[in-house]
Amino acid sequence: MKKETYEILWKDGIKAKAEQIVNDNAGKVVFDSEAKERIYKEYSKLRDYTKISFMRNPDGLLDRHKVCACLIIAIVKSKPLVYEDNDDNFGMKGIFNENLAMTVGLSLLYNFIISSDQNNQKWLKNGFSYPNTIRDATYQELLCLMLYYDIKNNQYSILALSNILFMIEAYTKQCNIENGE
């Protein structure tokens, strides 16, 4: 990701969503604007690692799912939202950074998909679809909780998260095509 692209993503995505989370959770969380460079450096490190470790051509471009996975992990690891780690929201750990990361990452994925083909606007017009869960938490909350524990335990996988993003995209397309959208 070029620095100019990141500047736009920071201003219109990361910072804007972080400020919304802070406003919605007044007194529980604050935004560390110094995280801007930390996130970009972490993203670059993860991107380079992915290219060297998993790509046939390390000089090539990553696919959209890997780019978004690197960004999501970079945001969570950089912790731009600061709060008491012991907070328990609705029976779940505080997942503010993970929520921020997934929202921004999925927004970026959405933009990649829409810009790749005009036909995608039809099946993606209502945003992403997620499977129902049998728990009292949504699929998105469980995904954020997974990120929380994976990164806390330093057991995250860029490729696994990339695959999850691919499956969210495929699930959304399948659901909306079946519904005639």
Protein backbone atom coordinates (compact mmCIF):
# COMPACT_ATOMS: atom_id res chain seq x y z
CA MET A 1 0.00 0.00 0.00
CA LYS A 2 1.41 3.33 -1.02
CA LYS A 3 1.79 5.97 1.66
CA GLU A 4 -0.70 8.25 -0.16
CA THR A 5 -3.30 5.48 -0.14
CA TYR A 6 -2.69 4.86 3.55
CA GLU A 7 -3.18 8.58 4.30
CA ILE A 8 -6.68 8.38 2.80
CA LEU A 9 -7.40 5.10 4.58
CA TRP A 10 -6.23 6.62 7.86
CA LYS A 11 -8.33 9.77 7.55
CA ASP A 12 -11.52 8.32 6.08
CA GLY A 13 -11.36 4.82 7.57
CA ILE A 14 -9.27 4.16 10.65
CA LYS A 15 -9.47 7.57 12.31
CA ALA A 16 -13.13 8.17 11.42
CA LYS A 17 -14.26 4.75 12.70
CA ALA A 18 -12.07 5.01 15.81
CA GLU A 19 -13.60 8.38 16.67
CA GLN A 20 -17.08 6.89 16.22
CA ILE A 21 -16.21 4.02 18.59
CA VAL A 22 -14.87 6.51 21.15
CA ASN A 23 -18.04 8.61 20.88
CA ASP A 24 -20.26 5.53 21.24
CA ASN A 25 -18.26 4.37 24.29
CA ALA A 26 -17.56 7.63 26.09
CA GLY A 27 -15.43 7.14 29.17
CA LYS A 28 -14.51 3.55 28.28
CA VAL A 29 -12.04 4.05 25.46
CA VAL A 30 -9.76 6.75 24.02
CA PHE A 31 -8.12 7.07 20.61
CA ASP A 32 -4.33 7.17 20.35
CA SER A 33 -3.69 9.26 17.22
CA GLU A 34 0.00 8.36 17.54
CA ALA A 35 -0.96 4.90 16.30
CA LYS A 36 -1.00 6.15 12.72
CA GLU A 37 2.66 5.36 12.06
CA ARG A 38 2.62 2.19 14.17
CA ILE A 39 -0.19 0.76 12.06
CA TYR A 40 1.50 1.64 8.76
CA LYS A 41 4.85 0.18 9.88
CA GLU A 42 3.18 -2.99 11.18
CA TYR A 43 1.15 -3.33 7.97
CA SER A 44 4.32 -2.95 5.86
CA LYS A 45 6.13 -5.52 7.98
CA LEU A 46 3.26 -8.02 7.68
CA ARG A 47 2.90 -7.37 3.94
CA ASP A 48 6.61 -7.93 3.32
CA TYR A 49 6.60 -11.07 5.49
CA THR A 50 3.64 -12.44 3.54
CA LYS A 51 5.26 -11.74 0.18
CA ILE A 52 8.57 -13.34 1.15
CA SER A 53 7.07 -16.29 2.99
CA PHE A 54 4.09 -17.23 0.84
CA MET A 55 4.36 -15.75 -2.65
CA ARG A 56 5.95 -17.40 -5.67
CA ASN A 57 6.98 -13.93 -6.79
CA PRO A 58 7.86 -11.85 -3.71
CA ASP A 59 7.93 -8.73 -5.90
CA GLY A 60 4.32 -9.24 -6.99
CA LEU A 61 1.18 -7.76 -5.50
CA LEU A 62 -0.83 -9.44 -2.75
CA ASP A 63 -4.44 -10.31 -3.51
CA ARG A 64 -7.14 -8.21 -1.85
CA HIS A 65 -7.82 -10.72 0.93
CA LYS A 66 -4.17 -10.81 2.04
CA VAL A 67 -3.90 -7.00 1.91
CA CYS A 68 -6.98 -6.71 4.14
CA ALA A 69 -5.76 -9.46 6.49
CA CYS A 70 -2.41 -7.68 6.92
CA LEU A 71 -4.21 -4.40 7.63
CA ILE A 72 -6.61 -5.98 10.14
CA ILE A 73 -3.79 -7.64 12.06
CA ALA A 74 -1.70 -4.44 11.95
CA ILE A 75 -4.54 -2.41 13.48
CA VAL A 76 -5.17 -4.92 16.26
CA LYS A 77 -1.47 -5.26 17.08
CA SER A 78 -1.00 -1.46 17.12
CA LYS A 79 -3.89 -0.90 19.56
CA PRO A 80 -5.07 2.56 18.49
CA LEU A 81 -7.95 2.35 20.97
CA VAL A 82 -6.83 2.37 24.57
CA TYR A 83 -9.04 0.95 27.32
CA GLU A 84 -8.97 -1.20 30.41
CA ASP A 85 -8.15 -4.68 29.15
CA ASN A 86 -10.33 -6.20 31.86
CA ASP A 87 -13.51 -4.59 30.56
CA ASP A 88 -16.25 -7.10 29.91
CA ASN A 89 -18.89 -5.90 27.46
CA PHE A 90 -22.07 -7.97 27.32
CA GLY A 91 -20.22 -11.05 28.56
CA MET A 92 -17.34 -10.63 26.11
CA LYS A 93 -13.87 -9.16 26.38
CA GLY A 94 -13.47 -5.58 25.22
CA ILE A 95 -12.93 -5.97 21.50
CA PHE A 96 -12.76 -2.32 20.47
CA ASN A 97 -9.54 -2.61 18.45
CA GLU A 98 -10.68 -5.82 16.83
CA ASN A 99 -14.02 -4.23 15.90
CA LEU A 100 -12.19 -1.24 14.44
CA ALA A 101 -9.84 -3.51 12.50
CA MET A 102 -12.58 -5.72 11.07
CA THR A 103 -14.76 -2.75 10.12
CA VAL A 104 -11.90 -1.00 8.32
CA GLY A 105 -10.60 -4.22 6.76
CA LEU A 106 -14.02 -5.22 5.45
CA SER A 107 -14.62 -1.68 4.15
CA LEU A 108 -11.36 -1.90 2.24
CA LEU A 109 -12.34 -5.35 0.91
CA TYR A 110 -15.72 -3.94 -0.14
CA ASN A 111 -13.98 -1.16 -2.08
CA PHE A 112 -11.60 -3.63 -3.74
CA ILE A 113 -14.54 -5.79 -4.85
CA ILE A 114 -16.66 -2.90 -6.13
CA SER A 115 -13.77 -1.36 -8.06
CA SER A 116 -12.81 -4.67 -9.69
CA ASP A 117 -16.08 -5.24 -11.56
CA GLN A 118 -19.30 -3.23 -11.94
CA ASN A 119 -21.36 -6.47 -11.71
CA ASN A 120 -20.24 -6.81 -8.09
CA GLN A 121 -22.28 -3.78 -7.11
CA LYS A 122 -25.45 -5.82 -7.53
CA TRP A 123 -24.70 -8.70 -5.15
CA LEU A 124 -22.79 -6.50 -2.68
CA LYS A 125 -25.25 -3.61 -2.55
CA ASN A 126 -26.33 -4.44 1.04
CA GLY A 127 -22.83 -5.07 2.34
CA PHE A 128 -21.49 -8.37 3.57
CA SER A 129 -23.63 -11.26 4.83
CA TYR A 130 -22.63 -13.47 7.74
CA PRO A 131 -23.76 -16.88 8.93
CA ASN A 132 -26.10 -17.06 11.90
CA THR A 133 -24.66 -18.36 15.15
CA ILE A 134 -26.26 -20.43 17.85
CA ARG A 135 -24.67 -18.35 20.58
CA ASP A 136 -25.71 -15.03 22.02
CA ALA A 137 -22.99 -13.33 19.94
CA THR A 138 -22.95 -12.49 16.25
CA TYR A 139 -20.53 -14.00 13.77
CA GLN A 140 -18.73 -10.64 13.63
CA GLU A 141 -18.33 -10.51 17.43
CA LEU A 142 -16.99 -14.05 17.50
CA LEU A 143 -14.55 -13.19 14.72
CA CYS A 144 -13.34 -10.17 16.72
CA LEU A 145 -12.98 -12.33 19.82
CA MET A 146 -10.91 -14.82 17.80
CA LEU A 147 -8.63 -11.97 16.70
CA TYR A 148 -8.31 -10.78 20.28
CA TYR A 149 -7.11 -14.16 21.55
CA ASP A 150 -5.01 -15.04 18.49
CA ILE A 151 -3.04 -11.82 18.66
CA LYS A 152 -2.87 -11.83 22.46
CA ASN A 153 -1.35 -15.33 22.27
CA ASN A 154 0.79 -14.46 19.22
CA GLN A 155 -0.85 -17.26 17.25
CA TYR A 156 -2.43 -15.33 14.40
CA SER A 157 -2.26 -16.41 10.76
CA ILE A 158 -2.37 -13.96 7.88
CA LEU A 159 -3.31 -16.79 5.54
CA ALA A 160 -6.13 -18.07 7.78
CA LEU A 161 -7.61 -14.58 8.16
CA SER A 162 -7.25 -14.04 4.42
CA ASN A 163 -9.19 -17.25 3.86
CA ILE A 164 -11.92 -16.13 6.29
CA LEU A 165 -12.25 -12.87 4.33
CA PHE A 166 -12.47 -14.85 1.09
CA MET A 167 -15.20 -17.02 2.60
CA ILE A 168 -17.17 -13.97 3.83
CA GLU A 169 -17.03 -12.62 0.28
CA ALA A 170 -18.09 -15.97 -1.23
CA TYR A 171 -20.88 -16.42 1.36
CA THR A 172 -22.23 -12.94 0.64
CA LYS A 173 -22.19 -13.54 -3.10
CA GLN A 174 -23.90 -16.93 -2.74
CA CYS A 175 -26.61 -15.60 -0.37
CA ASN A 176 -27.42 -12.63 -2.55
CA ILE A 177 -27.41 -14.56 -5.83
CA GLU A 178 -29.77 -17.15 -4.30
CA ASN A 179 -32.05 -14.29 -3.24
CA GLY A 180 -32.05 -12.90 -6.79
CA GLU A 181 -29.98 -9.85 -6.01
